[in-house]
Amino acid sequence: MRVIFMGTPEFAVPSLCALADTFEVALVITRPDAVRGRGKRLEPSPVKAEAVSRGIEVIEANRMTPEVLDAMRAVSADIICVAAYGCILPDAVLEMAPLGCVNVHASLLPRWRGAAPVQRAILAGDERAGVSIMQVVSALDAGAYCAQASCEVGDMTSAELMAKIGELGADALIESLHGIEAGTVAWTEQDESLVTYAHKIEKAEMKLDPADGALENARRVQASSDAAPARCAVAGKGVRIMRAVTCEDMRPAAGAVEVSHGRVALGCADGAIEVISVKPDGKREMEASAWAAGLRGDDIAWERV
């Protein structure tokens, strides 16, 4: 089976690797090089880096121009596979391959259609998160699905959960393609009454607030990312909270900070969160025990910033 693969971030790399190990990936479409992370230089997308290392032809494109569509047609692919490419696909792409166009979507559809399904699952307190192999249609993430896989959310960060789901998606994709090729796959239409949308995470949503509950703040920390970090100010200094959990044995008042034996707790409206690791502004990430050494005084406060 000849495949065109479309994807960009780290989440999509396991799917590309699995496809390249099983079928013939004739072409990879990915978003152009961009400034990524903390560096100032242009860096290739994770998918481009993997494709180049495997000697697979790569086209970088922000949108489906006539030139890109012509290059895709020239490949004569049997199927097009998409995983977090980052661009709306026109009907010309959806209708191009005889076996259609399928997407590795990081949610258990019909729950969490849209841009940020993993973060929304964490923020909502979902016990499980997962992936769906679905048909790409014109409407947003509305196609029928033929396979799903899931895992417990537990205490995984959004990055850890995304990586786990990426691996689950790769396995489900390969199994689905074998079924599609053999004509034995069964498609399930989504129940529109159960649809929820995972809108893009805004930075303001992730700001920690002592006026909110401990569980809500802890989920913000768990769902945070470099693009939308969980931040607050402690003793007047900005800090990103990297890991935190709700706690029962430390109960500072809302807006107060308790430091005890290297442990740090931030008081919330109905309890407290214990900080596990932090990244103070302008400094490296560190354990809370090291950070606690610099917190002096009996009346330390924290606030939303």
C-alpha atoms as a PDB file:
ATOM      1  CA  MET A   1       0.000   0.000   0.000  1.00  0.00           C
ATOM      2  CA  ARG A   2       1.330   3.420  -1.002  1.00  0.00           C
ATOM      3  CA  VAL A   3       0.715   6.109   1.599  1.00  0.00           C
ATOM      4  CA  ILE A   4       0.916   9.891   1.792  1.00  0.00           C
ATOM      5  CA  PHE A   5       1.439  10.994   5.373  1.00  0.00           C
ATOM      6  CA  MET A   6       0.539  14.452   6.642  1.00  0.00           C
ATOM      7  CA  GLY A   7       1.669  15.506  10.117  1.00  0.00           C
ATOM      8  CA  THR A   8       3.812  17.968  12.034  1.00  0.00           C
ATOM      9  CA  PRO A   9       4.409  17.615  15.824  1.00  0.00           C
ATOM     10  CA  GLU A  10       5.978  14.918  17.987  1.00  0.00           C
ATOM     11  CA  PHE A  11       2.547  13.309  18.434  1.00  0.00           C
ATOM     12  CA  ALA A  12       2.566  12.348  14.735  1.00  0.00           C
ATOM     13  CA  VAL A  13       6.027  10.738  14.676  1.00  0.00           C
ATOM     14  CA  PRO A  14       4.996   7.286  16.008  1.00  0.00           C
ATOM     15  CA  SER A  15       2.373   7.046  13.260  1.00  0.00           C
ATOM     16  CA  LEU A  16       4.923   7.962  10.584  1.00  0.00           C
ATOM     17  CA  CYS A  17       7.400   5.409  11.941  1.00  0.00           C
ATOM     18  CA  ALA A  18       4.786   2.657  12.064  1.00  0.00           C
ATOM     19  CA  LEU A  19       3.635   3.426   8.516  1.00  0.00           C
ATOM     20  CA  ALA A  20       7.185   3.473   7.155  1.00  0.00           C
ATOM     21  CA  ASP A  21       7.932   0.144   8.844  1.00  0.00           C
ATOM     22  CA  THR A  22       4.801  -1.511   7.432  1.00  0.00           C
ATOM     23  CA  PHE A  23       3.847   0.131   4.133  1.00  0.00           C
ATOM     24  CA  GLU A  24       5.407   2.355   1.484  1.00  0.00           C
ATOM     25  CA  VAL A  25       5.325   6.002   2.566  1.00  0.00           C
ATOM     26  CA  ALA A  26       5.768   7.719  -0.777  1.00  0.00           C
ATOM     27  CA  LEU A  27       5.480  11.325   0.417  1.00  0.00           C
ATOM     28  CA  VAL A  28       5.307  13.314   3.657  1.00  0.00           C
ATOM     29  CA  ILE A  29       3.575  16.690   3.911  1.00  0.00           C
ATOM     30  CA  THR A  30       4.432  18.783   6.963  1.00  0.00           C
ATOM     31  CA  ARG A  31       4.344  22.382   8.135  1.00  0.00           C
ATOM     32  CA  PRO A  32       7.397  24.533   7.245  1.00  0.00           C
ATOM     33  CA  ASP A  33      10.430  24.913   9.500  1.00  0.00           C
ATOM     34  CA  ALA A  34       9.699  27.259  12.378  1.00  0.00           C
ATOM     35  CA  VAL A  35      11.274  28.701  15.505  1.00  0.00           C
ATOM     36  CA  ARG A  36      10.573  26.008  18.063  1.00  0.00           C
ATOM     37  CA  GLY A  37      11.311  25.841  21.798  1.00  0.00           C
ATOM     38  CA  ARG A  38      13.574  28.443  23.322  1.00  0.00           C
ATOM     39  CA  GLY A  39      15.992  28.782  20.409  1.00  0.00           C
ATOM     40  CA  LYS A  40      16.103  31.586  17.891  1.00  0.00           C
ATOM     41  CA  ARG A  41      16.866  29.377  14.891  1.00  0.00           C
ATOM     42  CA  LEU A  42      14.504  27.723  12.464  1.00  0.00           C
ATOM     43  CA  GLU A  43      14.002  24.050  13.273  1.00  0.00           C
ATOM     44  CA  PRO A  44      12.320  21.321  11.218  1.00  0.00           C
ATOM     45  CA  SER A  45       9.119  19.817  12.483  1.00  0.00           C
ATOM     46  CA  PRO A  46       9.571  16.489  14.305  1.00  0.00           C
ATOM     47  CA  VAL A  47       7.828  14.773  11.398  1.00  0.00           C
ATOM     48  CA  LYS A  48      10.180  16.325   8.832  1.00  0.00           C
ATOM     49  CA  ALA A  49      13.228  15.324  10.861  1.00  0.00           C
ATOM     50  CA  GLU A  50      12.028  11.716  11.041  1.00  0.00           C
ATOM     51  CA  ALA A  51      11.083  11.577   7.358  1.00  0.00           C
ATOM     52  CA  VAL A  52      14.447  12.981   6.258  1.00  0.00           C
ATOM     53  CA  SER A  53      16.282  10.460   8.447  1.00  0.00           C
ATOM     54  CA  ARG A  54      14.395   7.693   6.623  1.00  0.00           C
ATOM     55  CA  GLY A  55      15.004   9.123   3.153  1.00  0.00           C
ATOM     56  CA  ILE A  56      11.324   9.887   2.519  1.00  0.00           C
ATOM     57  CA  GLU A  57      10.454  12.799   0.234  1.00  0.00           C
ATOM     58  CA  VAL A  58       9.113  15.791   2.176  1.00  0.00           C
ATOM     59  CA  ILE A  59       7.042  18.770   1.075  1.00  0.00           C
ATOM     60  CA  GLU A  60       6.629  21.685   3.481  1.00  0.00           C
ATOM     61  CA  ALA A  61       3.334  23.503   3.141  1.00  0.00           C
ATOM     62  CA  ASN A  62       1.092  25.752   5.237  1.00  0.00           C
ATOM     63  CA  ARG A  63      -1.787  25.246   2.819  1.00  0.00           C
ATOM     64  CA  MET A  64      -2.803  23.073  -0.081  1.00  0.00           C
ATOM     65  CA  THR A  65      -1.677  25.051  -3.113  1.00  0.00           C
ATOM     66  CA  PRO A  66      -2.199  23.762  -6.671  1.00  0.00           C
ATOM     67  CA  GLU A  67       1.496  22.837  -6.730  1.00  0.00           C
ATOM     68  CA  VAL A  68       1.208  20.747  -3.568  1.00  0.00           C
ATOM     69  CA  LEU A  69      -1.933  19.026  -4.852  1.00  0.00           C
ATOM     70  CA  ASP A  70      -0.187  18.198  -8.145  1.00  0.00           C
ATOM     71  CA  ALA A  71       2.752  16.694  -6.256  1.00  0.00           C
ATOM     72  CA  MET A  72       0.384  14.591  -4.184  1.00  0.00           C
ATOM     73  CA  ARG A  73      -1.494  13.341  -7.244  1.00  0.00           C
ATOM     74  CA  ALA A  74       1.792  12.383  -8.908  1.00  0.00           C
ATOM     75  CA  VAL A  75       2.482   9.904  -6.114  1.00  0.00           C
ATOM     76  CA  SER A  76      -0.649   7.854  -6.918  1.00  0.00           C
ATOM     77  CA  ALA A  77      -1.128   6.926  -3.266  1.00  0.00           C
ATOM     78  CA  ASP A  78      -3.704   4.368  -2.207  1.00  0.00           C
ATOM     79  CA  ILE A  79      -4.562   6.246   0.986  1.00  0.00           C
ATOM     80  CA  ILE A  80      -3.728   9.491   2.802  1.00  0.00           C
ATOM     81  CA  CYS A  81      -3.034   9.380   6.542  1.00  0.00           C
ATOM     82  CA  VAL A  82      -3.142  12.506   8.707  1.00  0.00           C
ATOM     83  CA  ALA A  83      -1.952  13.060  12.291  1.00  0.00           C
ATOM     84  CA  ALA A  84      -1.979  16.611  13.664  1.00  0.00           C
ATOM     85  CA  TYR A  85      -0.950  18.209  10.393  1.00  0.00           C
ATOM     86  CA  GLY A  86      -2.321  21.596  11.438  1.00  0.00           C
ATOM     87  CA  CYS A  87      -4.215  22.697   8.340  1.00  0.00           C
ATOM     88  CA  ILE A  88      -7.780  22.329   7.043  1.00  0.00           C
ATOM     89  CA  LEU A  89      -7.774  19.969   4.078  1.00  0.00           C
ATOM     90  CA  PRO A  90      -9.826  20.764   0.953  1.00  0.00           C
ATOM     91  CA  ASP A  91     -12.112  18.271  -0.733  1.00  0.00           C
ATOM     92  CA  ALA A  92      -9.464  17.761  -3.419  1.00  0.00           C
ATOM     93  CA  VAL A  93      -7.280  16.017  -0.825  1.00  0.00           C
ATOM     94  CA  LEU A  94     -10.124  14.041   0.738  1.00  0.00           C
ATOM     95  CA  GLU A  95     -11.137  12.639  -2.662  1.00  0.00           C
ATOM     96  CA  MET A  96      -7.648  12.066  -4.057  1.00  0.00           C
ATOM     97  CA  ALA A  97      -6.807   8.535  -2.910  1.00  0.00           C
ATOM     98  CA  PRO A  98      -8.909   5.449  -3.775  1.00  0.00           C
ATOM     99  CA  LEU A  99      -9.049   4.310  -0.133  1.00  0.00           C
ATOM    100  CA  GLY A 100      -9.755   7.785   1.172  1.00  0.00           C
ATOM    101  CA  CYS A 101      -8.196   9.938   3.881  1.00  0.00           C
ATOM    102  CA  VAL A 102      -7.981   8.900   7.541  1.00  0.00           C
ATOM    103  CA  ASN A 103      -6.948  10.853  10.602  1.00  0.00           C
ATOM    104  CA  VAL A 104      -5.322   9.901  13.919  1.00  0.00           C
ATOM    105  CA  HIS A 105      -7.320  12.111  16.289  1.00  0.00           C
ATOM    106  CA  ALA A 106      -6.252  12.349  19.931  1.00  0.00           C
ATOM    107  CA  SER A 107      -9.631  11.805  21.581  1.00  0.00           C
ATOM    108  CA  LEU A 108     -12.346   9.244  22.081  1.00  0.00           C
ATOM    109  CA  LEU A 109     -14.778  10.682  19.562  1.00  0.00           C
ATOM    110  CA  PRO A 110     -17.377  12.102  19.625  1.00  0.00           C
ATOM    111  CA  ARG A 111     -15.917  13.611  22.803  1.00  0.00           C
ATOM    112  CA  TRP A 112     -13.395  16.388  22.204  1.00  0.00           C
ATOM    113  CA  ARG A 113     -13.472  17.262  18.561  1.00  0.00           C
ATOM    114  CA  GLY A 114     -11.075  20.096  17.826  1.00  0.00           C
ATOM    115  CA  ALA A 115      -7.654  21.531  18.511  1.00  0.00           C
ATOM    116  CA  ALA A 116      -6.786  20.611  22.115  1.00  0.00           C
ATOM    117  CA  PRO A 117      -8.423  17.281  23.003  1.00  0.00           C
ATOM    118  CA  VAL A 118      -5.777  16.023  25.429  1.00  0.00           C
ATOM    119  CA  GLN A 119      -5.605  19.234  27.473  1.00  0.00           C
ATOM    120  CA  ARG A 120      -9.402  19.515  27.543  1.00  0.00           C
ATOM    121  CA  ALA A 121      -9.711  15.935  28.762  1.00  0.00           C
ATOM    122  CA  ILE A 122      -7.369  16.705  31.658  1.00  0.00           C
ATOM    123  CA  LEU A 123      -9.066  19.985  32.541  1.00  0.00           C
ATOM    124  CA  ALA A 124     -12.466  18.287  32.532  1.00  0.00           C
ATOM    125  CA  GLY A 125     -11.263  15.530  34.833  1.00  0.00           C
ATOM    126  CA  ASP A 126     -11.799  12.717  32.329  1.00  0.00           C
ATOM    127  CA  GLU A 127     -10.631   9.396  33.783  1.00  0.00           C
ATOM    128  CA  ARG A 128      -9.548   8.107  30.371  1.00  0.00           C
ATOM    129  CA  ALA A 129      -8.226   9.684  27.209  1.00  0.00           C
ATOM    130  CA  GLY A 130      -7.434   8.122  23.882  1.00  0.00           C
ATOM    131  CA  VAL A 131      -7.326   8.159  20.129  1.00  0.00           C
ATOM    132  CA  SER A 132      -9.700   7.525  17.235  1.00  0.00           C
ATOM    133  CA  ILE A 133      -8.904   6.492  13.667  1.00  0.00           C
ATOM    134  CA  MET A 134     -11.487   8.402  11.683  1.00  0.00           C
ATOM    135  CA  GLN A 135     -12.449   9.332   8.152  1.00  0.00           C
ATOM    136  CA  VAL A 136     -11.549  12.924   7.300  1.00  0.00           C
ATOM    137  CA  VAL A 137     -14.611  14.862   6.140  1.00  0.00           C
ATOM    138  CA  SER A 138     -15.299  18.522   5.494  1.00  0.00           C
ATOM    139  CA  ALA A 139     -16.808  19.151   8.936  1.00  0.00           C
ATOM    140  CA  LEU A 140     -14.385  19.386  11.870  1.00  0.00           C
ATOM    141  CA  ASP A 141     -13.523  15.908  13.198  1.00  0.00           C
ATOM    142  CA  ALA A 142     -17.000  14.704  12.275  1.00  0.00           C
ATOM    143  CA  GLY A 143     -16.126  11.595  10.288  1.00  0.00           C
ATOM    144  CA  ALA A 144     -16.943   8.018  11.198  1.00  0.00           C
ATOM    145  CA  TYR A 145     -14.289   6.084  13.132  1.00  0.00           C
ATOM    146  CA  CYS A 146     -13.146   2.487  12.762  1.00  0.00           C
ATOM    147  CA  ALA A 147     -10.889   2.070  15.803  1.00  0.00           C
ATOM    148  CA  GLN A 148     -10.295   3.579  19.225  1.00  0.00           C
ATOM    149  CA  ALA A 149      -7.736   2.997  21.970  1.00  0.00           C
ATOM    150  CA  SER A 150      -7.506   4.540  25.422  1.00  0.00           C
ATOM    151  CA  CYS A 151      -5.499   4.783  28.628  1.00  0.00           C
ATOM    152  CA  GLU A 152      -6.003   6.143  32.133  1.00  0.00           C
ATOM    153  CA  VAL A 153      -5.166   9.820  32.509  1.00  0.00           C
ATOM    154  CA  GLY A 154      -3.868   9.355  36.049  1.00  0.00           C
ATOM    155  CA  ASP A 155      -1.228  11.904  36.959  1.00  0.00           C
ATOM    156  CA  MET A 156       0.360  12.142  33.512  1.00  0.00           C
ATOM    157  CA  THR A 157       1.144  15.617  32.262  1.00  0.00           C
ATOM    158  CA  SER A 158      -0.338  16.704  28.950  1.00  0.00           C
ATOM    159  CA  ALA A 159       3.006  16.006  27.239  1.00  0.00           C
ATOM    160  CA  GLU A 160       3.267  12.542  28.764  1.00  0.00           C
ATOM    161  CA  LEU A 161      -0.337  11.742  27.920  1.00  0.00           C
ATOM    162  CA  MET A 162       0.073  13.014  24.369  1.00  0.00           C
ATOM    163  CA  ALA A 163       3.127  10.787  23.889  1.00  0.00           C
ATOM    164  CA  LYS A 164       1.239   7.748  25.203  1.00  0.00           C
ATOM    165  CA  ILE A 165      -1.747   8.453  22.980  1.00  0.00           C
ATOM    166  CA  GLY A 166       0.575   8.944  20.001  1.00  0.00           C
ATOM    167  CA  GLU A 167       1.890   5.401  20.464  1.00  0.00           C
ATOM    168  CA  LEU A 168      -1.639   4.024  20.847  1.00  0.00           C
ATOM    169  CA  GLY A 169      -2.655   5.869  17.691  1.00  0.00           C
ATOM    170  CA  ALA A 170       0.201   4.417  15.672  1.00  0.00           C
ATOM    171  CA  ASP A 171      -0.792   0.861  16.584  1.00  0.00           C
ATOM    172  CA  ALA A 172      -4.471   1.535  15.881  1.00  0.00           C
ATOM    173  CA  LEU A 173      -3.629   3.155  12.536  1.00  0.00           C
ATOM    174  CA  ILE A 174      -1.696   0.166  11.246  1.00  0.00           C
ATOM    175  CA  GLU A 175      -4.407  -2.273  12.312  1.00  0.00           C
ATOM    176  CA  SER A 176      -7.030  -0.059  10.667  1.00  0.00           C
ATOM    177  CA  LEU A 177      -5.120   0.200   7.382  1.00  0.00           C
ATOM    178  CA  HIS A 178      -4.880  -3.569   7.134  1.00  0.00           C
ATOM    179  CA  GLY A 179      -8.659  -3.707   7.552  1.00  0.00           C
ATOM    180  CA  ILE A 180      -9.249  -0.912   5.056  1.00  0.00           C
ATOM    181  CA  GLU A 181      -7.001  -2.609   2.514  1.00  0.00           C
ATOM    182  CA  ALA A 182      -8.809  -5.920   2.980  1.00  0.00           C
ATOM    183  CA  GLY A 183     -12.240  -4.282   2.907  1.00  0.00           C
ATOM    184  CA  THR A 184     -13.149  -5.722   6.301  1.00  0.00           C
ATOM    185  CA  VAL A 185     -13.112  -2.569   8.433  1.00  0.00           C
ATOM    186  CA  ALA A 186     -16.339  -1.409  10.070  1.00  0.00           C
ATOM    187  CA  TRP A 187     -17.067   2.317  10.446  1.00  0.00           C
ATOM    188  CA  THR A 188     -19.052   3.806  13.327  1.00  0.00           C
ATOM    189  CA  GLU A 189     -20.864   7.090  12.799  1.00  0.00           C
ATOM    190  CA  GLN A 190     -20.476   9.589  15.625  1.00  0.00           C
ATOM    191  CA  ASP A 191     -23.443  10.261  17.900  1.00  0.00           C
ATOM    192  CA  GLU A 192     -24.002  13.992  17.426  1.00  0.00           C
ATOM    193  CA  SER A 193     -25.811  14.219  20.781  1.00  0.00           C
ATOM    194  CA  LEU A 194     -22.550  13.339  22.567  1.00  0.00           C
ATOM    195  CA  VAL A 195     -20.262  15.775  20.751  1.00  0.00           C
ATOM    196  CA  THR A 196     -18.038  18.115  22.780  1.00  0.00           C
ATOM    197  CA  TYR A 197     -15.455  20.541  21.406  1.00  0.00           C
ATOM    198  CA  ALA A 198     -11.859  20.960  22.495  1.00  0.00           C
ATOM    199  CA  HIS A 199     -11.236  24.603  21.750  1.00  0.00           C
ATOM    200  CA  LYS A 200      -7.679  25.916  21.647  1.00  0.00           C
ATOM    201  CA  ILE A 201      -6.191  26.523  25.088  1.00  0.00           C
ATOM    202  CA  GLU A 202      -5.714  30.210  25.867  1.00  0.00           C
ATOM    203  CA  LYS A 203      -2.899  31.324  28.177  1.00  0.00           C
ATOM    204  CA  ALA A 204      -5.336  33.094  30.495  1.00  0.00           C
ATOM    205  CA  GLU A 205      -7.152  29.806  31.186  1.00  0.00           C
ATOM    206  CA  MET A 206      -4.035  28.283  32.677  1.00  0.00           C
ATOM    207  CA  LYS A 207      -3.277  31.013  35.207  1.00  0.00           C
ATOM    208  CA  LEU A 208      -3.462  29.661  38.737  1.00  0.00           C
ATOM    209  CA  ASP A 209      -5.829  31.491  41.054  1.00  0.00           C
ATOM    210  CA  PRO A 210      -6.185  31.198  44.867  1.00  0.00           C
ATOM    211  CA  ALA A 211      -9.883  32.026  44.450  1.00  0.00           C
ATOM    212  CA  ASP A 212     -10.393  28.744  42.583  1.00  0.00           C
ATOM    213  CA  GLY A 213     -10.498  25.224  43.988  1.00  0.00           C
ATOM    214  CA  ALA A 214      -7.445  23.066  44.579  1.00  0.00           C
ATOM    215  CA  LEU A 215      -8.502  20.421  42.054  1.00  0.00           C
ATOM    216  CA  GLU A 216      -9.108  23.041  39.364  1.00  0.00           C
ATOM    217  CA  ASN A 217      -5.653  24.533  39.908  1.00  0.00           C
ATOM    218  CA  ALA A 218      -3.999  21.108  40.000  1.00  0.00           C
ATOM    219  CA  ARG A 219      -5.626  20.194  36.684  1.00  0.00           C
ATOM    220  CA  ARG A 220      -4.333  23.402  35.150  1.00  0.00           C
ATOM    221  CA  VAL A 221      -0.810  22.402  36.120  1.00  0.00           C
ATOM    222  CA  GLN A 222      -1.310  18.901  34.723  1.00  0.00           C
ATOM    223  CA  ALA A 223      -2.706  20.236  31.437  1.00  0.00           C
ATOM    224  CA  SER A 224      -0.166  23.041  30.990  1.00  0.00           C
ATOM    225  CA  SER A 225       2.364  23.297  28.192  1.00  0.00           C
ATOM    226  CA  ASP A 226       5.122  25.603  27.002  1.00  0.00           C
ATOM    227  CA  ALA A 227       2.552  27.408  24.875  1.00  0.00           C
ATOM    228  CA  ALA A 228       0.104  27.805  27.778  1.00  0.00           C
ATOM    229  CA  PRO A 229       1.967  27.367  31.094  1.00  0.00           C
ATOM    230  CA  ALA A 230       0.426  27.211  34.569  1.00  0.00           C
ATOM    231  CA  ARG A 231       1.722  30.398  36.195  1.00  0.00           C
ATOM    232  CA  CYS A 232       1.281  32.470  39.320  1.00  0.00           C
ATOM    233  CA  ALA A 233       3.276  34.873  41.481  1.00  0.00           C
ATOM    234  CA  VAL A 234       4.729  33.714  44.814  1.00  0.00           C
ATOM    235  CA  ALA A 235       6.148  36.358  47.147  1.00  0.00           C
ATOM    236  CA  GLY A 236       5.759  38.806  44.278  1.00  0.00           C
ATOM    237  CA  LYS A 237       7.874  36.785  41.819  1.00  0.00           C
ATOM    238  CA  GLY A 238       6.554  35.028  38.747  1.00  0.00           C
ATOM    239  CA  VAL A 239       6.886  31.273  38.554  1.00  0.00           C
ATOM    240  CA  ARG A 240       5.679  28.444  36.371  1.00  0.00           C
ATOM    241  CA  ILE A 241       4.371  25.472  38.331  1.00  0.00           C
ATOM    242  CA  MET A 242       5.565  22.383  36.476  1.00  0.00           C
ATOM    243  CA  ARG A 243       4.018  19.683  38.674  1.00  0.00           C
ATOM    244  CA  ALA A 244       1.575  19.860  41.562  1.00  0.00           C
ATOM    245  CA  VAL A 245      -0.964  17.664  43.357  1.00  0.00           C
ATOM    246  CA  THR A 246      -3.824  18.314  45.732  1.00  0.00           C
ATOM    247  CA  CYS A 247      -2.893  17.708  49.356  1.00  0.00           C
ATOM    248  CA  GLU A 248      -4.741  17.200  52.623  1.00  0.00           C
ATOM    249  CA  ASP A 249      -2.043  17.457  55.293  1.00  0.00           C
ATOM    250  CA  MET A 250      -1.058  21.040  54.450  1.00  0.00           C
ATOM    251  CA  ARG A 251      -3.932  23.528  54.572  1.00  0.00           C
ATOM    252  CA  PRO A 252      -2.806  27.135  54.169  1.00  0.00           C
ATOM    253  CA  ALA A 253      -5.563  29.711  53.744  1.00  0.00           C
ATOM    254  CA  ALA A 254      -6.521  30.807  50.232  1.00  0.00           C
ATOM    255  CA  GLY A 255      -3.698  32.951  48.869  1.00  0.00           C
ATOM    256  CA  ALA A 256      -1.247  31.868  51.579  1.00  0.00           C
ATOM    257  CA  VAL A 257       1.889  29.751  51.136  1.00  0.00           C
ATOM    258  CA  GLU A 258       2.982  27.077  53.601  1.00  0.00           C
ATOM    259  CA  VAL A 259       6.617  25.932  53.614  1.00  0.00           C
ATOM    260  CA  SER A 260       7.455  22.959  55.793  1.00  0.00           C
ATOM    261  CA  HIS A 261      10.438  20.588  55.671  1.00  0.00           C
ATOM    262  CA  GLY A 262      11.155  21.384  52.035  1.00  0.00           C
ATOM    263  CA  ARG A 263       7.520  21.096  50.989  1.00  0.00           C
ATOM    264  CA  VAL A 264       5.506  23.978  49.536  1.00  0.00           C
ATOM    265  CA  ALA A 265       1.705  24.257  49.499  1.00  0.00           C
ATOM    266  CA  LEU A 266      -0.400  26.969  47.902  1.00  0.00           C
ATOM    267  CA  GLY A 267      -3.712  27.680  49.607  1.00  0.00           C
ATOM    268  CA  CYS A 268      -6.793  27.581  47.368  1.00  0.00           C
ATOM    269  CA  ALA A 269     -10.474  28.312  47.924  1.00  0.00           C
ATOM    270  CA  ASP A 270     -11.261  24.827  49.215  1.00  0.00           C
ATOM    271  CA  GLY A 271      -7.914  23.269  50.082  1.00  0.00           C
ATOM    272  CA  ALA A 272      -4.362  23.377  48.797  1.00  0.00           C
ATOM    273  CA  ILE A 273      -2.031  22.116  46.097  1.00  0.00           C
ATOM    274  CA  GLU A 274       1.443  20.863  46.921  1.00  0.00           C
ATOM    275  CA  VAL A 275       4.051  22.052  44.464  1.00  0.00           C
ATOM    276  CA  ILE A 276       6.391  19.314  43.235  1.00  0.00           C
ATOM    277  CA  SER A 277       8.563  21.218  40.748  1.00  0.00           C
ATOM    278  CA  VAL A 278       8.760  24.779  39.454  1.00  0.00           C
ATOM    279  CA  LYS A 279      10.486  27.038  36.972  1.00  0.00           C
ATOM    280  CA  PRO A 280      10.952  30.519  38.446  1.00  0.00           C
ATOM    281  CA  ASP A 281      11.122  33.306  35.863  1.00  0.00           C
ATOM    282  CA  GLY A 282      14.643  33.533  34.471  1.00  0.00           C
ATOM    283  CA  LYS A 283      15.806  30.328  36.137  1.00  0.00           C
ATOM    284  CA  ARG A 284      15.995  26.624  35.402  1.00  0.00           C
ATOM    285  CA  GLU A 285      13.411  24.078  36.418  1.00  0.00           C
ATOM    286  CA  MET A 286      13.946  22.820  39.973  1.00  0.00           C
ATOM    287  CA  GLU A 287      12.390  20.632  42.622  1.00  0.00           C
ATOM    288  CA  ALA A 288      10.122  22.345  45.133  1.00  0.00           C
ATOM    289  CA  SER A 289      12.510  21.433  47.962  1.00  0.00           C
ATOM    290  CA  ALA A 290      15.265  23.536  46.352  1.00  0.00           C
ATOM    291  CA  TRP A 291      12.846  26.362  45.605  1.00  0.00           C
ATOM    292  CA  ALA A 292      11.548  26.309  49.182  1.00  0.00           C
ATOM    293  CA  ALA A 293      14.976  27.264  50.498  1.00  0.00           C
ATOM    294  CA  GLY A 294      14.561  30.691  48.932  1.00  0.00           C
ATOM    295  CA  LEU A 295      11.088  31.337  50.364  1.00  0.00           C
ATOM    296  CA  ARG A 296      11.535  33.309  53.585  1.00  0.00           C
ATOM    297  CA  GLY A 297       9.080  34.751  56.060  1.00  0.00           C
ATOM    298  CA  ASP A 298       5.901  33.690  57.790  1.00  0.00           C
ATOM    299  CA  ASP A 299       3.446  35.650  55.638  1.00  0.00           C
ATOM    300  CA  ILE A 300       4.278  34.533  52.123  1.00  0.00           C
ATOM    301  CA  ALA A 301       1.422  35.023  49.675  1.00  0.00           C
ATOM    302  CA  TRP A 302       0.651  33.898  46.142  1.00  0.00           C
ATOM    303  CA  GLU A 303      -1.612  35.408  43.536  1.00  0.00           C
ATOM    304  CA  ARG A 304      -2.846  35.193  40.000  1.00  0.00           C
ATOM    305  CA  VAL A 305      -0.722  37.037  37.439  1.00  0.00           C
END
